Amino acid sequence: MARMCITRINGVRLFWELSGETGDLLVLVHGSWGDHHNWDSVVPAFARSFRVLTYDRRGHSQSERPVGQGSVEEDVADLAALIENVGGDPAHIVGNSFGGSIVLRLAGERPDLFRSLIVHEPPLFRLFENEPQAQGALSVIKERIDAVMQMLAAHDFPGGARQFVETIAFGPGAWGQLPPELRETFVRNAPTWLDEMRDPEALSVSRDRLRAFSARALLTLGGQSAPVFPLVVRQIAQMLPQAVTMTFAGAGHVPHLSHPDEYVGAVTSFAHGAASVRG
């Protein structure tokens, strides 16, 4: 049976859930717009091998949404404190999308918390903003982000959520195919995404700190994802000393939703391999 709780972390009430009885701690960090339910299709399978920690990041769903401008560093501090307060052990830390950006920043600041690192398509677009060959892909994604931000700034949260889903995350026509409860979650958490995008540090990470990260890392891609994400993953792979990459053929930006069995298999195999190497 899962253990659920709301704990005050760094002055903010965070909802979290711990599933599984034995094994290493596996922490799943959701991306923007969503919440811990984004992992529902994979938690039961993971819980057969790990103690699985999921949570709603600040500003999302059951966790508190503080007033004023937030920062990615607050998310990083929350994740560190949550692992220390709830898990107590170094963990296999998994992040999807903006959750992956948070995990990578944590790797640079608190490598002691990691058994391994696993991230899928973090939107760290500033990593290649000065590369001429990347300007086409970067221009497209920037235009799409700006369009969503304008809609949200005008308080059109349903329209902005749909625009994000169909032009950035999933693809044309995807909004209507999402379950109603997932669409409601996107709309409810839309203001937090706008806040994230207004943080000047949101789309960057320290190269030097990642180069010093010594644990094993798995960087994944969706075979059907936007062309900008392979550029990001390639940059990160060059920084992390023990990084490997893999692609989920036929998947996109959220393989744990679209290809849950394949995702669980890949993450479980990698985490077990990393744990055996560490002894």
C-alpha atoms as a PDB file:
ATOM      1  CA  MET A   1       0.000   0.000   0.000  1.00  0.00           C
ATOM      2  CA  ALA A   2       1.304   3.447  -0.892  1.00  0.00           C
ATOM      3  CA  ARG A   3       2.082   5.964   1.804  1.00  0.00           C
ATOM      4  CA  MET A   4       0.760   9.472   1.031  1.00  0.00           C
ATOM      5  CA  CYS A   5       1.535  12.662   2.874  1.00  0.00           C
ATOM      6  CA  ILE A   6       1.802  16.445   2.648  1.00  0.00           C
ATOM      7  CA  THR A   7       5.032  17.739   4.193  1.00  0.00           C
ATOM      8  CA  ARG A   8       6.307  21.273   4.563  1.00  0.00           C
ATOM      9  CA  ILE A   9       9.535  21.424   2.568  1.00  0.00           C
ATOM     10  CA  ASN A  10      11.463  24.683   2.333  1.00  0.00           C
ATOM     11  CA  GLY A  11       8.405  26.505   3.638  1.00  0.00           C
ATOM     12  CA  VAL A  12       6.049  25.037   1.006  1.00  0.00           C
ATOM     13  CA  ARG A  13       3.535  22.221   1.450  1.00  0.00           C
ATOM     14  CA  LEU A  14       4.414  19.384  -0.931  1.00  0.00           C
ATOM     15  CA  PHE A  15       2.304  16.315  -1.629  1.00  0.00           C
ATOM     16  CA  TRP A  16       4.246  13.072  -2.006  1.00  0.00           C
ATOM     17  CA  GLU A  17       3.590   9.361  -2.296  1.00  0.00           C
ATOM     18  CA  LEU A  18       5.882   6.418  -1.502  1.00  0.00           C
ATOM     19  CA  SER A  19       5.138   3.025  -3.085  1.00  0.00           C
ATOM     20  CA  GLY A  20       6.932  -0.304  -2.762  1.00  0.00           C
ATOM     21  CA  GLU A  21       8.422  -2.063   0.232  1.00  0.00           C
ATOM     22  CA  THR A  22      11.947  -3.032  -0.764  1.00  0.00           C
ATOM     23  CA  GLY A  23      14.828  -2.091  -3.036  1.00  0.00           C
ATOM     24  CA  ASP A  24      16.674   1.098  -3.817  1.00  0.00           C
ATOM     25  CA  LEU A  25      14.865   4.405  -3.745  1.00  0.00           C
ATOM     26  CA  LEU A  26      13.617   5.494  -7.184  1.00  0.00           C
ATOM     27  CA  VAL A  27      12.490   9.128  -7.392  1.00  0.00           C
ATOM     28  CA  LEU A  28      10.278  10.221 -10.305  1.00  0.00           C
ATOM     29  CA  VAL A  29      10.170  13.960 -11.097  1.00  0.00           C
ATOM     30  CA  HIS A  30       7.324  15.019 -13.373  1.00  0.00           C
ATOM     31  CA  GLY A  31       7.535  17.684 -16.051  1.00  0.00           C
ATOM     32  CA  SER A  32       5.681  20.960 -16.390  1.00  0.00           C
ATOM     33  CA  TRP A  33       1.869  21.124 -16.406  1.00  0.00           C
ATOM     34  CA  GLY A  34       1.464  17.695 -14.803  1.00  0.00           C
ATOM     35  CA  ASP A  35       1.761  16.103 -11.371  1.00  0.00           C
ATOM     36  CA  HIS A  36       2.616  12.795  -9.689  1.00  0.00           C
ATOM     37  CA  HIS A  37      -0.254  11.097 -11.540  1.00  0.00           C
ATOM     38  CA  ASN A  38       1.793  11.369 -14.745  1.00  0.00           C
ATOM     39  CA  TRP A  39       3.679   8.323 -13.434  1.00  0.00           C
ATOM     40  CA  ASP A  40       0.609   6.208 -12.553  1.00  0.00           C
ATOM     41  CA  SER A  41       1.060   3.829 -15.487  1.00  0.00           C
ATOM     42  CA  VAL A  42       4.612   2.882 -14.423  1.00  0.00           C
ATOM     43  CA  VAL A  43       4.640   3.108 -10.600  1.00  0.00           C
ATOM     44  CA  PRO A  44       3.098  -0.358  -9.949  1.00  0.00           C
ATOM     45  CA  ALA A  45       5.730  -2.056 -12.105  1.00  0.00           C
ATOM     46  CA  PHE A  46       8.565  -0.014 -10.618  1.00  0.00           C
ATOM     47  CA  ALA A  47       7.311  -0.772  -7.092  1.00  0.00           C
ATOM     48  CA  ARG A  48       8.070  -4.469  -7.619  1.00  0.00           C
ATOM     49  CA  SER A  49      11.792  -3.614  -7.666  1.00  0.00           C
ATOM     50  CA  PHE A  50      12.131  -0.243  -5.915  1.00  0.00           C
ATOM     51  CA  ARG A  51      10.744   2.031  -3.260  1.00  0.00           C
ATOM     52  CA  VAL A  52       9.170   4.632  -5.550  1.00  0.00           C
ATOM     53  CA  LEU A  53       8.828   8.272  -4.535  1.00  0.00           C
ATOM     54  CA  THR A  54       6.566  10.533  -6.595  1.00  0.00           C
ATOM     55  CA  TYR A  55       5.406  14.024  -5.717  1.00  0.00           C
ATOM     56  CA  ASP A  56       3.684  17.143  -6.995  1.00  0.00           C
ATOM     57  CA  ARG A  57       6.291  19.828  -7.542  1.00  0.00           C
ATOM     58  CA  ARG A  58       5.590  23.205  -5.953  1.00  0.00           C
ATOM     59  CA  GLY A  59       2.851  25.005  -7.826  1.00  0.00           C
ATOM     60  CA  HIS A  60       1.367  21.772  -9.151  1.00  0.00           C
ATOM     61  CA  SER A  61      -1.940  20.151  -8.163  1.00  0.00           C
ATOM     62  CA  GLN A  62      -1.944  19.090  -4.480  1.00  0.00           C
ATOM     63  CA  SER A  63       1.243  20.982  -3.589  1.00  0.00           C
ATOM     64  CA  GLU A  64       1.229  24.629  -2.574  1.00  0.00           C
ATOM     65  CA  ARG A  65       1.595  27.380  -5.180  1.00  0.00           C
ATOM     66  CA  PRO A  66       3.558  30.230  -3.576  1.00  0.00           C
ATOM     67  CA  VAL A  67       2.893  33.804  -4.653  1.00  0.00           C
ATOM     68  CA  GLY A  68       5.522  35.741  -6.574  1.00  0.00           C
ATOM     69  CA  GLN A  69       8.111  34.710  -9.121  1.00  0.00           C
ATOM     70  CA  GLY A  70       9.575  31.259  -8.544  1.00  0.00           C
ATOM     71  CA  SER A  71      12.815  29.709  -9.730  1.00  0.00           C
ATOM     72  CA  VAL A  72      14.173  26.386 -10.876  1.00  0.00           C
ATOM     73  CA  GLU A  73      16.576  26.519  -7.944  1.00  0.00           C
ATOM     74  CA  GLU A  74      13.614  26.298  -5.581  1.00  0.00           C
ATOM     75  CA  ASP A  75      12.559  23.093  -7.335  1.00  0.00           C
ATOM     76  CA  VAL A  76      16.093  21.740  -6.994  1.00  0.00           C
ATOM     77  CA  ALA A  77      16.158  22.538  -3.278  1.00  0.00           C
ATOM     78  CA  ASP A  78      12.734  20.913  -2.820  1.00  0.00           C
ATOM     79  CA  LEU A  79      13.889  17.708  -4.501  1.00  0.00           C
ATOM     80  CA  ALA A  80      17.041  17.506  -2.386  1.00  0.00           C
ATOM     81  CA  ALA A  81      15.131  18.076   0.847  1.00  0.00           C
ATOM     82  CA  LEU A  82      12.400  15.608  -0.109  1.00  0.00           C
ATOM     83  CA  ILE A  83      14.930  12.846  -0.759  1.00  0.00           C
ATOM     84  CA  GLU A  84      16.653  13.540   2.551  1.00  0.00           C
ATOM     85  CA  ASN A  85      13.416  13.776   4.552  1.00  0.00           C
ATOM     86  CA  VAL A  86      11.413  10.971   2.954  1.00  0.00           C
ATOM     87  CA  GLY A  87      13.866   8.556   1.374  1.00  0.00           C
ATOM     88  CA  GLY A  88      16.953   9.020   3.472  1.00  0.00           C
ATOM     89  CA  ASP A  89      19.232   7.239   0.971  1.00  0.00           C
ATOM     90  CA  PRO A  90      20.949   8.052  -2.306  1.00  0.00           C
ATOM     91  CA  ALA A  91      18.489   7.317  -5.091  1.00  0.00           C
ATOM     92  CA  HIS A  92      18.051   6.560  -8.740  1.00  0.00           C
ATOM     93  CA  ILE A  93      16.587   9.918  -9.767  1.00  0.00           C
ATOM     94  CA  VAL A  94      14.427  10.084 -12.885  1.00  0.00           C
ATOM     95  CA  GLY A  95      13.144  13.231 -14.573  1.00  0.00           C
ATOM     96  CA  ASN A  96      10.929  13.892 -17.568  1.00  0.00           C
ATOM     97  CA  SER A  97      11.038  17.171 -19.524  1.00  0.00           C
ATOM     98  CA  PHE A  98      11.397  20.102 -17.077  1.00  0.00           C
ATOM     99  CA  GLY A  99      11.655  17.499 -14.323  1.00  0.00           C
ATOM    100  CA  GLY A 100      14.772  16.314 -16.143  1.00  0.00           C
ATOM    101  CA  SER A 101      16.190  19.837 -16.032  1.00  0.00           C
ATOM    102  CA  ILE A 102      15.654  19.872 -12.264  1.00  0.00           C
ATOM    103  CA  VAL A 103      17.351  16.482 -11.893  1.00  0.00           C
ATOM    104  CA  LEU A 104      20.370  17.618 -13.914  1.00  0.00           C
ATOM    105  CA  ARG A 105      20.745  20.749 -11.811  1.00  0.00           C
ATOM    106  CA  LEU A 106      20.553  18.620  -8.669  1.00  0.00           C
ATOM    107  CA  ALA A 107      23.277  16.369 -10.095  1.00  0.00           C
ATOM    108  CA  GLY A 108      25.561  19.376 -10.326  1.00  0.00           C
ATOM    109  CA  GLU A 109      24.786  20.581  -6.812  1.00  0.00           C
ATOM    110  CA  ARG A 110      24.222  17.389  -4.797  1.00  0.00           C
ATOM    111  CA  PRO A 111      25.856  14.410  -6.531  1.00  0.00           C
ATOM    112  CA  ASP A 112      25.873  12.607  -3.169  1.00  0.00           C
ATOM    113  CA  LEU A 113      22.119  12.051  -3.515  1.00  0.00           C
ATOM    114  CA  PHE A 114      22.468   9.925  -6.672  1.00  0.00           C
ATOM    115  CA  ARG A 115      22.867   6.237  -7.311  1.00  0.00           C
ATOM    116  CA  SER A 116      22.144   6.970 -10.957  1.00  0.00           C
ATOM    117  CA  LEU A 117      20.559   9.668 -13.124  1.00  0.00           C
ATOM    118  CA  ILE A 118      17.913   9.070 -15.792  1.00  0.00           C
ATOM    119  CA  VAL A 119      16.353  11.936 -17.765  1.00  0.00           C
ATOM    120  CA  HIS A 120      14.165  12.217 -20.846  1.00  0.00           C
ATOM    121  CA  GLU A 121      14.318  15.289 -23.093  1.00  0.00           C
ATOM    122  CA  PRO A 122      15.043  18.151 -20.678  1.00  0.00           C
ATOM    123  CA  PRO A 123      14.225  21.513 -22.345  1.00  0.00           C
ATOM    124  CA  LEU A 124      17.674  23.032 -21.785  1.00  0.00           C
ATOM    125  CA  PHE A 125      17.584  25.004 -25.004  1.00  0.00           C
ATOM    126  CA  ARG A 126      20.118  27.617 -23.940  1.00  0.00           C
ATOM    127  CA  LEU A 127      22.881  25.003 -24.143  1.00  0.00           C
ATOM    128  CA  PHE A 128      23.189  25.523 -27.880  1.00  0.00           C
ATOM    129  CA  GLU A 129      21.886  29.057 -28.349  1.00  0.00           C
ATOM    130  CA  ASN A 130      25.229  30.151 -29.853  1.00  0.00           C
ATOM    131  CA  GLU A 131      25.580  27.255 -32.310  1.00  0.00           C
ATOM    132  CA  PRO A 132      24.781  28.360 -35.879  1.00  0.00           C
ATOM    133  CA  GLN A 133      23.607  24.911 -37.009  1.00  0.00           C
ATOM    134  CA  ALA A 134      21.024  24.802 -34.228  1.00  0.00           C
ATOM    135  CA  GLN A 135      19.382  28.137 -34.898  1.00  0.00           C
ATOM    136  CA  GLY A 136      16.602  26.757 -37.090  1.00  0.00           C
ATOM    137  CA  ALA A 137      15.350  24.272 -34.502  1.00  0.00           C
ATOM    138  CA  LEU A 138      15.864  26.779 -31.710  1.00  0.00           C
ATOM    139  CA  SER A 139      13.867  29.447 -33.542  1.00  0.00           C
ATOM    140  CA  VAL A 140      10.933  27.088 -34.034  1.00  0.00           C
ATOM    141  CA  ILE A 141      10.754  26.025 -30.381  1.00  0.00           C
ATOM    142  CA  LYS A 142      11.177  29.598 -29.143  1.00  0.00           C
ATOM    143  CA  GLU A 143       8.319  30.775 -31.352  1.00  0.00           C
ATOM    144  CA  ARG A 144       6.081  28.006 -30.030  1.00  0.00           C
ATOM    145  CA  ILE A 145       6.964  28.740 -26.393  1.00  0.00           C
ATOM    146  CA  ASP A 146       6.328  32.453 -26.895  1.00  0.00           C
ATOM    147  CA  ALA A 147       2.911  31.745 -28.417  1.00  0.00           C
ATOM    148  CA  VAL A 148       1.868  29.685 -25.398  1.00  0.00           C
ATOM    149  CA  MET A 149       3.228  32.291 -22.975  1.00  0.00           C
ATOM    150  CA  GLN A 150       1.177  35.017 -24.674  1.00  0.00           C
ATOM    151  CA  MET A 151      -2.014  33.012 -24.318  1.00  0.00           C
ATOM    152  CA  LEU A 152      -1.363  32.271 -20.658  1.00  0.00           C
ATOM    153  CA  ALA A 153      -0.432  35.882 -19.927  1.00  0.00           C
ATOM    154  CA  ALA A 154      -3.876  36.775 -21.291  1.00  0.00           C
ATOM    155  CA  HIS A 155      -5.364  34.230 -18.837  1.00  0.00           C
ATOM    156  CA  ASP A 156      -6.424  31.865 -21.614  1.00  0.00           C
ATOM    157  CA  PHE A 157      -5.312  28.807 -19.668  1.00  0.00           C
ATOM    158  CA  PRO A 158      -7.325  26.206 -21.634  1.00  0.00           C
ATOM    159  CA  GLY A 159      -6.125  27.650 -24.945  1.00  0.00           C
ATOM    160  CA  GLY A 160      -2.531  27.852 -23.775  1.00  0.00           C
ATOM    161  CA  ALA A 161      -2.598  24.303 -22.465  1.00  0.00           C
ATOM    162  CA  ARG A 162      -3.964  23.027 -25.753  1.00  0.00           C
ATOM    163  CA  GLN A 163      -1.387  25.040 -27.693  1.00  0.00           C
ATOM    164  CA  PHE A 164       1.426  23.559 -25.606  1.00  0.00           C
ATOM    165  CA  VAL A 165       0.189  19.997 -26.004  1.00  0.00           C
ATOM    166  CA  GLU A 166      -0.279  20.235 -29.762  1.00  0.00           C
ATOM    167  CA  THR A 167       2.779  22.303 -30.750  1.00  0.00           C
ATOM    168  CA  ILE A 168       5.433  21.340 -28.183  1.00  0.00           C
ATOM    169  CA  ALA A 169       4.688  18.205 -26.168  1.00  0.00           C
ATOM    170  CA  PHE A 170       2.614  15.771 -28.261  1.00  0.00           C
ATOM    171  CA  GLY A 171       1.564  16.986 -31.686  1.00  0.00           C
ATOM    172  CA  PRO A 172      -1.463  18.170 -33.699  1.00  0.00           C
ATOM    173  CA  GLY A 173      -4.776  16.746 -32.554  1.00  0.00           C
ATOM    174  CA  ALA A 174      -3.372  15.353 -29.311  1.00  0.00           C
ATOM    175  CA  TRP A 175      -5.403  17.569 -26.975  1.00  0.00           C
ATOM    176  CA  GLY A 176      -8.682  15.902 -27.851  1.00  0.00           C
ATOM    177  CA  GLN A 177      -7.187  12.454 -27.310  1.00  0.00           C
ATOM    178  CA  LEU A 178      -6.063  13.156 -23.731  1.00  0.00           C
ATOM    179  CA  PRO A 179      -8.239  11.885 -20.875  1.00  0.00           C
ATOM    180  CA  PRO A 180     -10.445  14.667 -19.429  1.00  0.00           C
ATOM    181  CA  GLU A 181      -8.694  14.507 -16.051  1.00  0.00           C
ATOM    182  CA  LEU A 182      -5.301  15.031 -17.708  1.00  0.00           C
ATOM    183  CA  ARG A 183      -6.616  18.034 -19.640  1.00  0.00           C
ATOM    184  CA  GLU A 184      -7.931  19.467 -16.365  1.00  0.00           C
ATOM    185  CA  THR A 185      -4.517  18.994 -14.764  1.00  0.00           C
ATOM    186  CA  PHE A 186      -2.828  20.835 -17.627  1.00  0.00           C
ATOM    187  CA  VAL A 187      -5.207  23.780 -17.299  1.00  0.00           C
ATOM    188  CA  ARG A 188      -4.932  23.904 -13.505  1.00  0.00           C
ATOM    189  CA  ASN A 189      -1.126  23.952 -13.590  1.00  0.00           C
ATOM    190  CA  ALA A 190      -0.758  26.326 -16.552  1.00  0.00           C
ATOM    191  CA  PRO A 191       0.130  29.382 -14.394  1.00  0.00           C
ATOM    192  CA  THR A 192       3.106  27.507 -12.931  1.00  0.00           C
ATOM    193  CA  TRP A 193       4.515  26.791 -16.392  1.00  0.00           C
ATOM    194  CA  LEU A 194       4.257  30.486 -17.234  1.00  0.00           C
ATOM    195  CA  ASP A 195       6.118  31.269 -14.010  1.00  0.00           C
ATOM    196  CA  GLU A 196       8.820  28.727 -14.913  1.00  0.00           C
ATOM    197  CA  MET A 197       9.358  30.212 -18.346  1.00  0.00           C
ATOM    198  CA  ARG A 198       9.783  33.687 -16.826  1.00  0.00           C
ATOM    199  CA  ASP A 199      12.734  32.423 -14.768  1.00  0.00           C
ATOM    200  CA  PRO A 200      15.904  33.407 -16.694  1.00  0.00           C
ATOM    201  CA  GLU A 201      17.686  30.245 -15.474  1.00  0.00           C
ATOM    202  CA  ALA A 202      14.933  27.805 -16.430  1.00  0.00           C
ATOM    203  CA  LEU A 203      16.419  26.632 -19.733  1.00  0.00           C
ATOM    204  CA  SER A 204      20.082  26.378 -18.738  1.00  0.00           C
ATOM    205  CA  VAL A 205      22.407  24.258 -16.603  1.00  0.00           C
ATOM    206  CA  SER A 206      26.051  24.481 -15.474  1.00  0.00           C
ATOM    207  CA  ARG A 207      28.349  22.646 -17.886  1.00  0.00           C
ATOM    208  CA  ASP A 208      31.227  22.550 -15.402  1.00  0.00           C
ATOM    209  CA  ARG A 209      29.119  20.993 -12.661  1.00  0.00           C
ATOM    210  CA  LEU A 210      27.798  18.286 -14.943  1.00  0.00           C
ATOM    211  CA  ARG A 211      31.323  17.438 -16.068  1.00  0.00           C
ATOM    212  CA  ALA A 212      32.146  16.688 -12.425  1.00  0.00           C
ATOM    213  CA  PHE A 213      29.205  14.293 -11.983  1.00  0.00           C
ATOM    214  CA  SER A 214      30.637  10.772 -11.731  1.00  0.00           C
ATOM    215  CA  ALA A 215      27.571   8.517 -11.354  1.00  0.00           C
ATOM    216  CA  ARG A 216      26.131   6.628 -14.305  1.00  0.00           C
ATOM    217  CA  ALA A 217      23.554   8.519 -16.389  1.00  0.00           C
ATOM    218  CA  LEU A 218      20.960   7.447 -18.941  1.00  0.00           C
ATOM    219  CA  LEU A 219      19.684  10.076 -21.379  1.00  0.00           C
ATOM    220  CA  THR A 220      16.641   9.084 -23.410  1.00  0.00           C
ATOM    221  CA  LEU A 221      14.828  10.388 -26.459  1.00  0.00           C
ATOM    222  CA  GLY A 222      11.561   9.717 -28.238  1.00  0.00           C
ATOM    223  CA  GLY A 223      11.895   8.712 -31.850  1.00  0.00           C
ATOM    224  CA  GLN A 224       8.915  10.927 -32.735  1.00  0.00           C
ATOM    225  CA  SER A 225       9.901  13.950 -30.618  1.00  0.00           C
ATOM    226  CA  ALA A 226      10.626  17.456 -31.888  1.00  0.00           C
ATOM    227  CA  PRO A 227      14.041  17.802 -33.614  1.00  0.00           C
ATOM    228  CA  VAL A 228      15.271  20.189 -30.935  1.00  0.00           C
ATOM    229  CA  PHE A 229      15.512  17.495 -28.257  1.00  0.00           C
ATOM    230  CA  PRO A 230      18.282  15.391 -29.858  1.00  0.00           C
ATOM    231  CA  LEU A 231      20.356  18.586 -29.913  1.00  0.00           C
ATOM    232  CA  VAL A 232      19.860  19.002 -26.169  1.00  0.00           C
ATOM    233  CA  VAL A 233      20.587  15.378 -25.343  1.00  0.00           C
ATOM    234  CA  ARG A 234      23.736  15.358 -27.449  1.00  0.00           C
ATOM    235  CA  GLN A 235      25.055  18.400 -25.570  1.00  0.00           C
ATOM    236  CA  ILE A 236      24.364  16.831 -22.172  1.00  0.00           C
ATOM    237  CA  ALA A 237      25.876  13.488 -23.179  1.00  0.00           C
ATOM    238  CA  GLN A 238      29.129  15.265 -24.003  1.00  0.00           C
ATOM    239  CA  MET A 239      29.251  16.727 -20.484  1.00  0.00           C
ATOM    240  CA  LEU A 240      28.424  13.734 -18.308  1.00  0.00           C
ATOM    241  CA  PRO A 241      31.437  11.394 -17.994  1.00  0.00           C
ATOM    242  CA  GLN A 242      29.375   8.192 -17.685  1.00  0.00           C
ATOM    243  CA  ALA A 243      26.390   8.960 -19.891  1.00  0.00           C
ATOM    244  CA  VAL A 244      24.718   6.597 -22.326  1.00  0.00           C
ATOM    245  CA  THR A 245      21.815   7.453 -24.599  1.00  0.00           C
ATOM    246  CA  MET A 246      18.894   5.474 -25.964  1.00  0.00           C
ATOM    247  CA  THR A 247      15.833   6.186 -28.092  1.00  0.00           C
ATOM    248  CA  PHE A 248      12.321   4.867 -27.593  1.00  0.00           C
ATOM    249  CA  ALA A 249      11.285   4.184 -31.177  1.00  0.00           C
ATOM    250  CA  GLY A 250       7.763   5.374 -31.883  1.00  0.00           C
ATOM    251  CA  ALA A 251       7.560   7.359 -28.645  1.00  0.00           C
ATOM    252  CA  GLY A 252       7.589  11.097 -28.089  1.00  0.00           C
ATOM    253  CA  HIS A 253       8.070  13.455 -25.182  1.00  0.00           C
ATOM    254  CA  VAL A 254       6.397  11.241 -22.538  1.00  0.00           C
ATOM    255  CA  PRO A 255       7.389   7.591 -23.120  1.00  0.00           C
ATOM    256  CA  HIS A 256       6.236   6.604 -19.624  1.00  0.00           C
ATOM    257  CA  LEU A 257       2.698   7.429 -20.806  1.00  0.00           C
ATOM    258  CA  SER A 258       2.838   6.153 -24.378  1.00  0.00           C
ATOM    259  CA  HIS A 259       5.200   3.153 -23.953  1.00  0.00           C
ATOM    260  CA  PRO A 260       5.070   2.278 -20.227  1.00  0.00           C
ATOM    261  CA  ASP A 261       6.337  -1.318 -20.458  1.00  0.00           C
ATOM    262  CA  GLU A 262       9.317  -0.365 -22.573  1.00  0.00           C
ATOM    263  CA  TYR A 263      10.059   2.584 -20.311  1.00  0.00           C
ATOM    264  CA  VAL A 264       9.936   0.504 -17.126  1.00  0.00           C
ATOM    265  CA  GLY A 265      12.188  -2.123 -18.660  1.00  0.00           C
ATOM    266  CA  ALA A 266      14.808   0.383 -19.747  1.00  0.00           C
ATOM    267  CA  VAL A 267      14.885   2.310 -16.478  1.00  0.00           C
ATOM    268  CA  THR A 268      14.871  -0.816 -14.303  1.00  0.00           C
ATOM    269  CA  SER A 269      17.667  -2.473 -16.260  1.00  0.00           C
ATOM    270  CA  PHE A 270      19.810   0.645 -16.173  1.00  0.00           C
ATOM    271  CA  ALA A 271      19.247   1.306 -12.470  1.00  0.00           C
ATOM    272  CA  HIS A 272      20.052  -2.274 -11.505  1.00  0.00           C
ATOM    273  CA  GLY A 273      23.200  -2.151 -13.621  1.00  0.00           C
ATOM    274  CA  ALA A 274      24.262   1.124 -12.043  1.00  0.00           C
ATOM    275  CA  ALA A 275      23.654  -0.252  -8.556  1.00  0.00           C
ATOM    276  CA  SER A 276      25.771  -3.347  -9.247  1.00  0.00           C
ATOM    277  CA  VAL A 277      28.647  -1.209 -10.484  1.00  0.00           C
ATOM    278  CA  ARG A 278      28.549   0.914  -7.333  1.00  0.00           C
ATOM    279  CA  GLY A 279      28.549  -2.231  -5.251  1.00  0.00           C
END
